[in-house]
């Protein structure tokens, strides 16, 4: 897929739109990061990259082009202390 011109807020979503190039993702290998919280809860987290925009005229300290990423975070609880869990008879998501 050829790159196409786009406007994107950069560096923050509230910033004025900047010119950039929409760059398709050829390959993505998402790996899980496992985080143990102080309360004993274990979370697994990964980010799926949906696309990227190369920002015109923006570079990192090494001279590499700057990109804004379109991402979808995924968080799942692997384990938590039973005392922190919702009681079985309480209303909420099932």
PDB file of N, CA and C in Angstrom:
ATOM      1  N   UNK A   1       0.850  -1.176   0.000  1.00  0.00           N
ATOM      2  CA  UNK A   1       0.000   0.000   0.000  1.00  0.00           C
ATOM      3  C   UNK A   1       0.896   1.240   0.000  1.00  0.00           C
ATOM      4  N   UNK A   2       0.736   2.130  -0.950  1.00  0.00           N
ATOM      5  CA  UNK A   2       1.569   3.333  -0.982  1.00  0.00           C
ATOM      6  C   UNK A   2       1.216   4.278   0.169  1.00  0.00           C
ATOM      7  N   UNK A   3       2.223   5.035   0.606  1.00  0.00           N
ATOM      8  CA  UNK A   3       2.002   6.012   1.664  1.00  0.00           C
ATOM      9  C   UNK A   3       1.086   7.116   1.147  1.00  0.00           C
ATOM     10  N   UNK A   4       0.276   7.685   2.051  1.00  0.00           N
ATOM     11  CA  UNK A   4      -0.598   8.794   1.653  1.00  0.00           C
ATOM     12  C   UNK A   4      -0.473   9.924   2.657  1.00  0.00           C
ATOM     13  N   UNK A   5      -0.655  11.157   2.154  1.00  0.00           N
ATOM     14  CA  UNK A   5      -0.571  12.359   2.994  1.00  0.00           C
ATOM     15  C   UNK A   5      -1.746  12.400   3.949  1.00  0.00           C
ATOM     16  N   UNK A   6      -1.472  12.768   5.201  1.00  0.00           N
ATOM     17  CA  UNK A   6      -2.518  12.906   6.218  1.00  0.00           C
ATOM     18  C   UNK A   6      -2.195  14.095   7.106  1.00  0.00           C
ATOM     19  N   UNK A   7      -3.166  14.538   7.850  1.00  0.00           N
ATOM     20  CA  UNK A   7      -2.993  15.542   8.905  1.00  0.00           C
ATOM     21  C   UNK A   7      -3.210  14.814  10.227  1.00  0.00           C
ATOM     22  N   UNK A   8      -2.354  15.111  11.202  1.00  0.00           N
ATOM     23  CA  UNK A   8      -2.471  14.451  12.501  1.00  0.00           C
ATOM     24  C   UNK A   8      -2.053  15.424  13.597  1.00  0.00           C
ATOM     25  N   UNK A   9      -2.760  15.438  14.737  1.00  0.00           N
ATOM     26  CA  UNK A   9      -2.323  16.267  15.857  1.00  0.00           C
ATOM     27  C   UNK A   9      -0.999  15.724  16.400  1.00  0.00           C
ATOM     28  N   UNK A  10      -0.023  16.592  16.587  1.00  0.00           N
ATOM     29  CA  UNK A  10       1.274  16.157  17.092  1.00  0.00           C
ATOM     30  C   UNK A  10       1.941  17.330  17.775  1.00  0.00           C
ATOM     31  N   UNK A  11       2.524  17.201  18.940  1.00  0.00           N
ATOM     32  CA  UNK A  11       2.861  15.974  19.653  1.00  0.00           C
ATOM     33  C   UNK A  11       1.746  15.441  20.547  1.00  0.00           C
ATOM     34  N   UNK A  12       0.686  16.220  20.766  1.00  0.00           N
ATOM     35  CA  UNK A  12      -0.416  15.777  21.626  1.00  0.00           C
ATOM     36  C   UNK A  12      -1.719  15.787  20.846  1.00  0.00           C
ATOM     37  N   UNK A  13      -2.701  14.987  21.260  1.00  0.00           N
ATOM     38  CA  UNK A  13      -3.993  14.995  20.572  1.00  0.00           C
ATOM     39  C   UNK A  13      -4.656  16.371  20.529  1.00  0.00           C
ATOM     40  N   UNK A  14      -4.304  17.261  21.466  1.00  0.00           N
ATOM     41  CA  UNK A  14      -4.893  18.606  21.488  1.00  0.00           C
ATOM     42  C   UNK A  14      -4.069  19.616  20.687  1.00  0.00           C
ATOM     43  N   UNK A  15      -2.938  19.179  20.121  1.00  0.00           N
ATOM     44  CA  UNK A  15      -2.064  20.066  19.335  1.00  0.00           C
ATOM     45  C   UNK A  15      -2.666  20.330  17.963  1.00  0.00           C
ATOM     46  N   UNK A  16      -2.240  21.413  17.307  1.00  0.00           N
ATOM     47  CA  UNK A  16      -2.699  21.657  15.934  1.00  0.00           C
ATOM     48  C   UNK A  16      -2.265  20.517  15.011  1.00  0.00           C
ATOM     49  N   UNK A  17      -3.035  20.291  13.956  1.00  0.00           N
ATOM     50  CA  UNK A  17      -2.733  19.203  13.016  1.00  0.00           C
ATOM     51  C   UNK A  17      -1.440  19.484  12.269  1.00  0.00           C
ATOM     52  N   UNK A  18      -0.647  18.441  12.092  1.00  0.00           N
ATOM     53  CA  UNK A  18       0.616  18.515  11.365  1.00  0.00           C
ATOM     54  C   UNK A  18       0.515  17.634  10.128  1.00  0.00           C
ATOM     55  N   UNK A  19       1.346  17.932   9.124  1.00  0.00           N
ATOM     56  CA  UNK A  19       1.410  17.085   7.934  1.00  0.00           C
ATOM     57  C   UNK A  19       2.237  15.851   8.237  1.00  0.00           C
ATOM     58  N   UNK A  20       1.844  14.743   7.651  1.00  0.00           N
ATOM     59  CA  UNK A  20       2.586  13.499   7.816  1.00  0.00           C
ATOM     60  C   UNK A  20       2.225  12.522   6.718  1.00  0.00           C
ATOM     61  N   UNK A  21       2.808  11.353   6.820  1.00  0.00           N
ATOM     62  CA  UNK A  21       2.579  10.275   5.856  1.00  0.00           C
ATOM     63  C   UNK A  21       2.058   9.060   6.582  1.00  0.00           C
ATOM     64  N   UNK A  22       0.900   8.557   6.137  1.00  0.00           N
ATOM     65  CA  UNK A  22       0.323   7.348   6.693  1.00  0.00           C
ATOM     66  C   UNK A  22       1.153   6.167   6.190  1.00  0.00           C
ATOM     67  N   UNK A  23       1.749   5.407   7.103  1.00  0.00           N
ATOM     68  CA  UNK A  23       2.610   4.284   6.748  1.00  0.00           C
ATOM     69  C   UNK A  23       1.952   3.003   7.240  1.00  0.00           C
ATOM     70  N   UNK A  24       1.671   2.078   6.339  1.00  0.00           N
ATOM     71  CA  UNK A  24       1.018   0.815   6.699  1.00  0.00           C
ATOM     72  C   UNK A  24       1.961  -0.062   7.520  1.00  0.00           C
ATOM     73  N   UNK A  25       1.391  -0.864   8.390  1.00  0.00           N
ATOM     74  CA  UNK A  25       2.160  -1.821   9.181  1.00  0.00           C
ATOM     75  C   UNK A  25       2.330  -3.088   8.351  1.00  0.00           C
ATOM     76  N   UNK A  26       3.567  -3.455   8.089  1.00  0.00           N
ATOM     77  CA  UNK A  26       3.851  -4.672   7.323  1.00  0.00           C
ATOM     78  C   UNK A  26       3.787  -5.897   8.223  1.00  0.00           C
ATOM     79  N   UNK A  27       4.360  -5.764   9.420  1.00  0.00           N
ATOM     80  CA  UNK A  27       4.407  -6.894  10.343  1.00  0.00           C
ATOM     81  C   UNK A  27       4.405  -6.353  11.760  1.00  0.00           C
ATOM     82  N   UNK A  28       3.745  -7.056  12.654  1.00  0.00           N
ATOM     83  CA  UNK A  28       3.708  -6.652  14.050  1.00  0.00           C
ATOM     84  C   UNK A  28       3.749  -7.898  14.924  1.00  0.00           C
ATOM     85  N   UNK A  29       4.672  -7.912  15.865  1.00  0.00           N
ATOM     86  CA  UNK A  29       4.791  -9.041  16.796  1.00  0.00           C
ATOM     87  C   UNK A  29       4.564  -8.511  18.202  1.00  0.00           C
ATOM     88  N   UNK A  30       3.337  -8.603  18.670  1.00  0.00           N
ATOM     89  CA  UNK A  30       3.015  -8.116  20.006  1.00  0.00           C
ATOM     90  C   UNK A  30       3.373  -9.177  21.035  1.00  0.00           C
ATOM     91  N   UNK A  31       4.053  -8.765  22.050  1.00  0.00           N
ATOM     92  CA  UNK A  31       4.405  -9.652  23.140  1.00  0.00           C
ATOM     93  C   UNK A  31       3.747  -9.116  24.419  1.00  0.00           C
ATOM     94  N   UNK A  32       3.416 -10.021  25.303  1.00  0.00           N
ATOM     95  CA  UNK A  32       2.799  -9.637  26.569  1.00  0.00           C
ATOM     96  C   UNK A  32       3.863  -9.153  27.548  1.00  0.00           C
ATOM     97  N   UNK A  33       3.538  -8.114  28.295  1.00  0.00           N
ATOM     98  CA  UNK A  33       4.324  -7.669  29.434  1.00  0.00           C
ATOM     99  C   UNK A  33       3.522  -8.047  30.666  1.00  0.00           C
ATOM    100  N   UNK A  34       4.178  -8.696  31.605  1.00  0.00           N
ATOM    101  CA  UNK A  34       3.479  -9.101  32.826  1.00  0.00           C
ATOM    102  C   UNK A  34       3.918  -8.187  33.960  1.00  0.00           C
ATOM    103  N   UNK A  35       2.929  -7.617  34.659  1.00  0.00           N
ATOM    104  CA  UNK A  35       3.178  -6.656  35.730  1.00  0.00           C
ATOM    105  C   UNK A  35       2.537  -7.193  37.013  1.00  0.00           C
ATOM    106  N   UNK A  36       3.319  -7.223  38.090  1.00  0.00           N
ATOM    107  CA  UNK A  36       2.784  -7.603  39.393  1.00  0.00           C
ATOM    108  C   UNK A  36       2.657  -6.339  40.230  1.00  0.00           C
ATOM    109  N   UNK A  37       1.437  -6.044  40.657  1.00  0.00           N
ATOM    110  CA  UNK A  37       1.169  -4.861  41.468  1.00  0.00           C
ATOM    111  C   UNK A  37       1.431  -5.156  42.941  1.00  0.00           C
ATOM    112  N   UNK A  38       1.563  -4.099  43.721  1.00  0.00           N
ATOM    113  CA  UNK A  38       1.855  -4.250  45.142  1.00  0.00           C
ATOM    114  C   UNK A  38       0.760  -5.013  45.878  1.00  0.00           C
ATOM    115  N   UNK A  39      -0.489  -4.956  45.391  1.00  0.00           N
ATOM    116  CA  UNK A  39      -1.584  -5.675  46.060  1.00  0.00           C
ATOM    117  C   UNK A  39      -1.658  -7.137  45.639  1.00  0.00           C
ATOM    118  N   UNK A  40      -0.675  -7.597  44.835  1.00  0.00           N
ATOM    119  CA  UNK A  40      -0.617  -8.991  44.420  1.00  0.00           C
ATOM    120  C   UNK A  40      -1.273  -9.278  43.083  1.00  0.00           C
ATOM    121  N   UNK A  41      -1.993  -8.322  42.529  1.00  0.00           N
ATOM    122  CA  UNK A  41      -2.641  -8.516  41.234  1.00  0.00           C
ATOM    123  C   UNK A  41      -1.586  -8.645  40.141  1.00  0.00           C
ATOM    124  N   UNK A  42      -1.808  -9.595  39.237  1.00  0.00           N
ATOM    125  CA  UNK A  42      -0.919  -9.778  38.094  1.00  0.00           C
ATOM    126  C   UNK A  42      -1.684  -9.400  36.835  1.00  0.00           C
ATOM    127  N   UNK A  43      -1.127  -8.448  36.066  1.00  0.00           N
ATOM    128  CA  UNK A  43      -1.735  -7.992  34.823  1.00  0.00           C
ATOM    129  C   UNK A  43      -0.866  -8.411  33.652  1.00  0.00           C
ATOM    130  N   UNK A  44      -1.499  -8.719  32.537  1.00  0.00           N
ATOM    131  CA  UNK A  44      -0.781  -8.903  31.273  1.00  0.00           C
ATOM    132  C   UNK A  44      -1.225  -7.788  30.354  1.00  0.00           C
ATOM    133  N   UNK A  45      -0.229  -7.138  29.728  1.00  0.00           N
ATOM    134  CA  UNK A  45      -0.486  -5.959  28.903  1.00  0.00           C
ATOM    135  C   UNK A  45       0.245  -6.104  27.584  1.00  0.00           C
ATOM    136  N   UNK A  46      -0.431  -5.727  26.496  1.00  0.00           N
ATOM    137  CA  UNK A  46       0.247  -5.620  25.210  1.00  0.00           C
ATOM    138  C   UNK A  46      -0.430  -4.518  24.407  1.00  0.00           C
ATOM    139  N   UNK A  47       0.285  -4.003  23.432  1.00  0.00           N
ATOM    140  CA  UNK A  47      -0.238  -2.954  22.575  1.00  0.00           C
ATOM    141  C   UNK A  47      -0.211  -3.470  21.144  1.00  0.00           C
ATOM    142  N   UNK A  48      -1.346  -3.427  20.467  1.00  0.00           N
ATOM    143  CA  UNK A  48      -1.420  -3.796  19.066  1.00  0.00           C
ATOM    144  C   UNK A  48      -1.310  -2.519  18.244  1.00  0.00           C
ATOM    145  N   UNK A  49      -0.306  -2.453  17.368  1.00  0.00           N
ATOM    146  CA  UNK A  49      -0.109  -1.285  16.520  1.00  0.00           C
ATOM    147  C   UNK A  49      -0.953  -1.457  15.268  1.00  0.00           C
ATOM    148  N   UNK A  50      -1.867  -0.515  15.039  1.00  0.00           N
ATOM    149  CA  UNK A  50      -2.778  -0.566  13.902  1.00  0.00           C
ATOM    150  C   UNK A  50      -2.240   0.197  12.696  1.00  0.00           C
ATOM    151  N   UNK A  51      -1.407   1.200  12.947  1.00  0.00           N
ATOM    152  CA  UNK A  51      -0.854   2.010  11.864  1.00  0.00           C
ATOM    153  C   UNK A  51       0.110   3.026  12.427  1.00  0.00           C
ATOM    154  N   UNK A  52       0.781   3.736  11.524  1.00  0.00           N
ATOM    155  CA  UNK A  52       1.758   4.737  11.937  1.00  0.00           C
ATOM    156  C   UNK A  52       1.696   5.923  10.986  1.00  0.00           C
ATOM    157  N   UNK A  53       2.013   7.092  11.513  1.00  0.00           N
ATOM    158  CA  UNK A  53       2.111   8.303  10.697  1.00  0.00           C
ATOM    159  C   UNK A  53       3.498   8.900  10.944  1.00  0.00           C
ATOM    160  N   UNK A  54       4.276   9.053   9.857  1.00  0.00           N
ATOM    161  CA  UNK A  54       5.576   9.700   9.946  1.00  0.00           C
ATOM    162  C   UNK A  54       5.352  11.204   9.859  1.00  0.00           C
ATOM    163  N   UNK A  55       5.805  11.948  10.871  1.00  0.00           N
ATOM    164  CA  UNK A  55       5.541  13.377  10.972  1.00  0.00           C
ATOM    165  C   UNK A  55       6.608  14.162  10.208  1.00  0.00           C
ATOM    166  N   UNK A  56       6.168  14.993   9.278  1.00  0.00           N
ATOM    167  CA  UNK A  56       7.092  15.830   8.500  1.00  0.00           C
ATOM    168  C   UNK A  56       7.911  16.739   9.412  1.00  0.00           C
ATOM    169  N   UNK A  57       9.223  16.741   9.224  1.00  0.00           N
ATOM    170  CA  UNK A  57      10.094  17.681   9.925  1.00  0.00           C
ATOM    171  C   UNK A  57      10.355  17.384  11.384  1.00  0.00           C
ATOM    172  N   UNK A  58       9.934  16.237  11.883  1.00  0.00           N
ATOM    173  CA  UNK A  58      10.167  15.876  13.287  1.00  0.00           C
ATOM    174  C   UNK A  58      11.127  14.689  13.350  1.00  0.00           C
ATOM    175  N   UNK A  59      12.134  14.801  14.238  1.00  0.00           N
ATOM    176  CA  UNK A  59      13.149  13.762  14.351  1.00  0.00           C
ATOM    177  C   UNK A  59      13.518  13.557  15.812  1.00  0.00           C
ATOM    178  N   UNK A  60      14.002  12.349  16.143  1.00  0.00           N
ATOM    179  CA  UNK A  60      14.494  12.096  17.494  1.00  0.00           C
ATOM    180  C   UNK A  60      15.925  12.619  17.600  1.00  0.00           C
ATOM    181  N   UNK A  61      16.536  12.554  18.798  1.00  0.00           N
ATOM    182  CA  UNK A  61      17.892  13.081  18.964  1.00  0.00           C
ATOM    183  C   UNK A  61      18.944  12.422  18.058  1.00  0.00           C
ATOM    184  N   UNK A  62      18.680  11.202  17.576  1.00  0.00           N
ATOM    185  CA  UNK A  62      19.630  10.518  16.693  1.00  0.00           C
ATOM    186  C   UNK A  62      19.364  10.798  15.217  1.00  0.00           C
ATOM    187  N   UNK A  63      18.362  11.645  14.918  1.00  0.00           N
ATOM    188  CA  UNK A  63      18.063  11.981  13.528  1.00  0.00           C
ATOM    189  C   UNK A  63      17.054  11.073  12.852  1.00  0.00           C
ATOM    190  N   UNK A  64      16.476  10.130  13.590  1.00  0.00           N
ATOM    191  CA  UNK A  64      15.463   9.236  13.031  1.00  0.00           C
ATOM    192  C   UNK A  64      14.129   9.968  12.930  1.00  0.00           C
ATOM    193  N   UNK A  65      13.309   9.623  11.938  1.00  0.00           N
ATOM    194  CA  UNK A  65      12.009  10.288  11.816  1.00  0.00           C
ATOM    195  C   UNK A  65      11.098   9.967  12.999  1.00  0.00           C
ATOM    196  N   UNK A  66      10.249  10.929  13.362  1.00  0.00           N
ATOM    197  CA  UNK A  66       9.287  10.733  14.453  1.00  0.00           C
ATOM    198  C   UNK A  66       7.998  10.156  13.882  1.00  0.00           C
ATOM    199  N   UNK A  67       7.376   9.267  14.628  1.00  0.00           N
ATOM    200  CA  UNK A  67       6.125   8.624  14.227  1.00  0.00           C
ATOM    201  C   UNK A  67       5.079   8.793  15.322  1.00  0.00           C
ATOM    202  N   UNK A  68       3.850   8.964  14.913  1.00  0.00           N
ATOM    203  CA  UNK A  68       2.703   8.878  15.821  1.00  0.00           C
ATOM    204  C   UNK A  68       2.052   7.542  15.510  1.00  0.00           C
ATOM    205  N   UNK A  69       1.751   6.769  16.533  1.00  0.00           N
ATOM    206  CA  UNK A  69       1.199   5.434  16.320  1.00  0.00           C
ATOM    207  C   UNK A  69      -0.280   5.373  16.635  1.00  0.00           C
ATOM    208  N   UNK A  70      -0.998   4.609  15.820  1.00  0.00           N
ATOM    209  CA  UNK A  70      -2.392   4.270  16.109  1.00  0.00           C
ATOM    210  C   UNK A  70      -2.325   2.914  16.800  1.00  0.00           C
ATOM    211  N   UNK A  71      -2.764   2.868  18.085  1.00  0.00           N
ATOM    212  CA  UNK A  71      -2.584   1.662  18.884  1.00  0.00           C
ATOM    213  C   UNK A  71      -3.869   1.255  19.596  1.00  0.00           C
ATOM    214  N   UNK A  72      -3.922  -0.023  19.920  1.00  0.00           N
ATOM    215  CA  UNK A  72      -5.019  -0.554  20.707  1.00  0.00           C
ATOM    216  C   UNK A  72      -4.417  -1.306  21.899  1.00  0.00           C
ATOM    217  N   UNK A  73      -4.531  -0.747  23.119  1.00  0.00           N
ATOM    218  CA  UNK A  73      -3.986  -1.458  24.277  1.00  0.00           C
ATOM    219  C   UNK A  73      -4.911  -2.600  24.706  1.00  0.00           C
ATOM    220  N   UNK A  74      -4.299  -3.696  25.155  1.00  0.00           N
ATOM    221  CA  UNK A  74      -5.045  -4.849  25.662  1.00  0.00           C
ATOM    222  C   UNK A  74      -4.510  -5.140  27.061  1.00  0.00           C
ATOM    223  N   UNK A  75      -5.405  -5.163  28.054  1.00  0.00           N
ATOM    224  CA  UNK A  75      -5.014  -5.441  29.439  1.00  0.00           C
ATOM    225  C   UNK A  75      -5.911  -6.547  29.968  1.00  0.00           C
ATOM    226  N   UNK A  76      -5.315  -7.546  30.563  1.00  0.00           N
ATOM    227  CA  UNK A  76      -6.086  -8.621  31.167  1.00  0.00           C
ATOM    228  C   UNK A  76      -5.526  -8.928  32.553  1.00  0.00           C
ATOM    229  N   UNK A  77      -6.403  -9.234  33.492  1.00  0.00           N
ATOM    230  CA  UNK A  77      -5.984  -9.602  34.845  1.00  0.00           C
ATOM    231  C   UNK A  77      -5.775 -11.110  34.880  1.00  0.00           C
ATOM    232  N   UNK A  78      -4.566 -11.515  35.240  1.00  0.00           N
ATOM    233  CA  UNK A  78      -4.228 -12.935  35.306  1.00  0.00           C
ATOM    234  C   UNK A  78      -4.614 -13.510  36.654  1.00  0.00           C
ATOM    235  N   UNK A  79      -4.351 -12.741  37.703  1.00  0.00           N
ATOM    236  CA  UNK A  79      -4.608 -13.218  39.054  1.00  0.00           C
ATOM    237  C   UNK A  79      -4.791 -12.016  39.970  1.00  0.00           C
ATOM    238  N   UNK A  80      -5.688 -12.149  40.933  1.00  0.00           N
ATOM    239  CA  UNK A  80      -5.847 -11.102  41.940  1.00  0.00           C
ATOM    240  C   UNK A  80      -6.227 -11.735  43.266  1.00  0.00           C
ATOM    241  N   UNK A  81      -5.965 -11.016  44.322  1.00  0.00           N
ATOM    242  CA  UNK A  81      -6.303 -11.474  45.663  1.00  0.00           C
ATOM    243  C   UNK A  81      -7.819 -11.636  45.732  1.00  0.00           C
ATOM    244  N   UNK A  82      -8.314 -12.767  46.199  1.00  0.00           N
ATOM    245  CA  UNK A  82      -9.764 -12.980  46.298  1.00  0.00           C
ATOM    246  C   UNK A  82     -10.494 -11.889  47.075  1.00  0.00           C
ATOM    247  N   UNK A  83      -9.822 -11.247  48.048  1.00  0.00           N
ATOM    248  CA  UNK A  83     -10.454 -10.177  48.820  1.00  0.00           C
ATOM    249  C   UNK A  83     -10.738  -8.943  47.973  1.00  0.00           C
ATOM    250  N   UNK A  84     -10.042  -8.797  46.829  1.00  0.00           N
ATOM    251  CA  UNK A  84     -10.243  -7.646  45.952  1.00  0.00           C
ATOM    252  C   UNK A  84     -11.331  -7.891  44.906  1.00  0.00           C
ATOM    253  N   UNK A  85     -11.751  -9.118  44.748  1.00  0.00           N
ATOM    254  CA  UNK A  85     -12.735  -9.467  43.724  1.00  0.00           C
ATOM    255  C   UNK A  85     -14.156  -9.085  44.147  1.00  0.00           C
ATOM    256  N   UNK A  86     -14.994  -8.823  43.147  1.00  0.00           N
ATOM    257  CA  UNK A  86     -16.397  -8.521  43.391  1.00  0.00           C
ATOM    258  C   UNK A  86     -17.081  -9.765  43.956  1.00  0.00           C
ATOM    259  N   UNK A  87     -17.899  -9.609  44.976  1.00  0.00           N
ATOM    260  CA  UNK A  87     -18.645 -10.759  45.503  1.00  0.00           C
ATOM    261  C   UNK A  87     -19.521 -11.374  44.406  1.00  0.00           C
ATOM    262  N   UNK A  88     -19.696 -12.679  44.455  1.00  0.00           N
ATOM    263  CA  UNK A  88     -20.437 -13.402  43.420  1.00  0.00           C
ATOM    264  C   UNK A  88     -21.866 -12.892  43.254  1.00  0.00           C
ATOM    265  N   UNK A  89     -22.502 -12.393  44.304  1.00  0.00           N
ATOM    266  CA  UNK A  89     -23.904 -11.952  44.215  1.00  0.00           C
ATOM    267  C   UNK A  89     -24.037 -10.455  43.942  1.00  0.00           C
ATOM    268  N   UNK A  90     -22.914  -9.733  43.789  1.00  0.00           N
ATOM    269  CA  UNK A  90     -22.973  -8.279  43.556  1.00  0.00           C
ATOM    270  C   UNK A  90     -23.288  -7.985  42.097  1.00  0.00           C
ATOM    271  N   UNK A  91     -24.047  -6.887  41.844  1.00  0.00           N
ATOM    272  CA  UNK A  91     -24.332  -6.534  40.444  1.00  0.00           C
ATOM    273  C   UNK A  91     -23.060  -6.051  39.753  1.00  0.00           C
ATOM    274  N   UNK A  92     -23.036  -6.184  38.461  1.00  0.00           N
ATOM    275  CA  UNK A  92     -21.876  -5.731  37.676  1.00  0.00           C
ATOM    276  C   UNK A  92     -21.702  -6.564  36.441  1.00  0.00           C
ATOM    277  N   UNK A  93     -20.572  -6.427  35.796  1.00  0.00           N
ATOM    278  CA  UNK A  93     -20.289  -7.181  34.590  1.00  0.00           C
ATOM    279  C   UNK A  93     -20.080  -8.646  34.932  1.00  0.00           C
ATOM    280  N   UNK A  94     -20.624  -9.514  34.112  1.00  0.00           N
ATOM    281  CA  UNK A  94     -20.491 -10.963  34.360  1.00  0.00           C
ATOM    282  C   UNK A  94     -19.689 -11.597  33.271  1.00  0.00           C
TER     283      UNK A  94
END
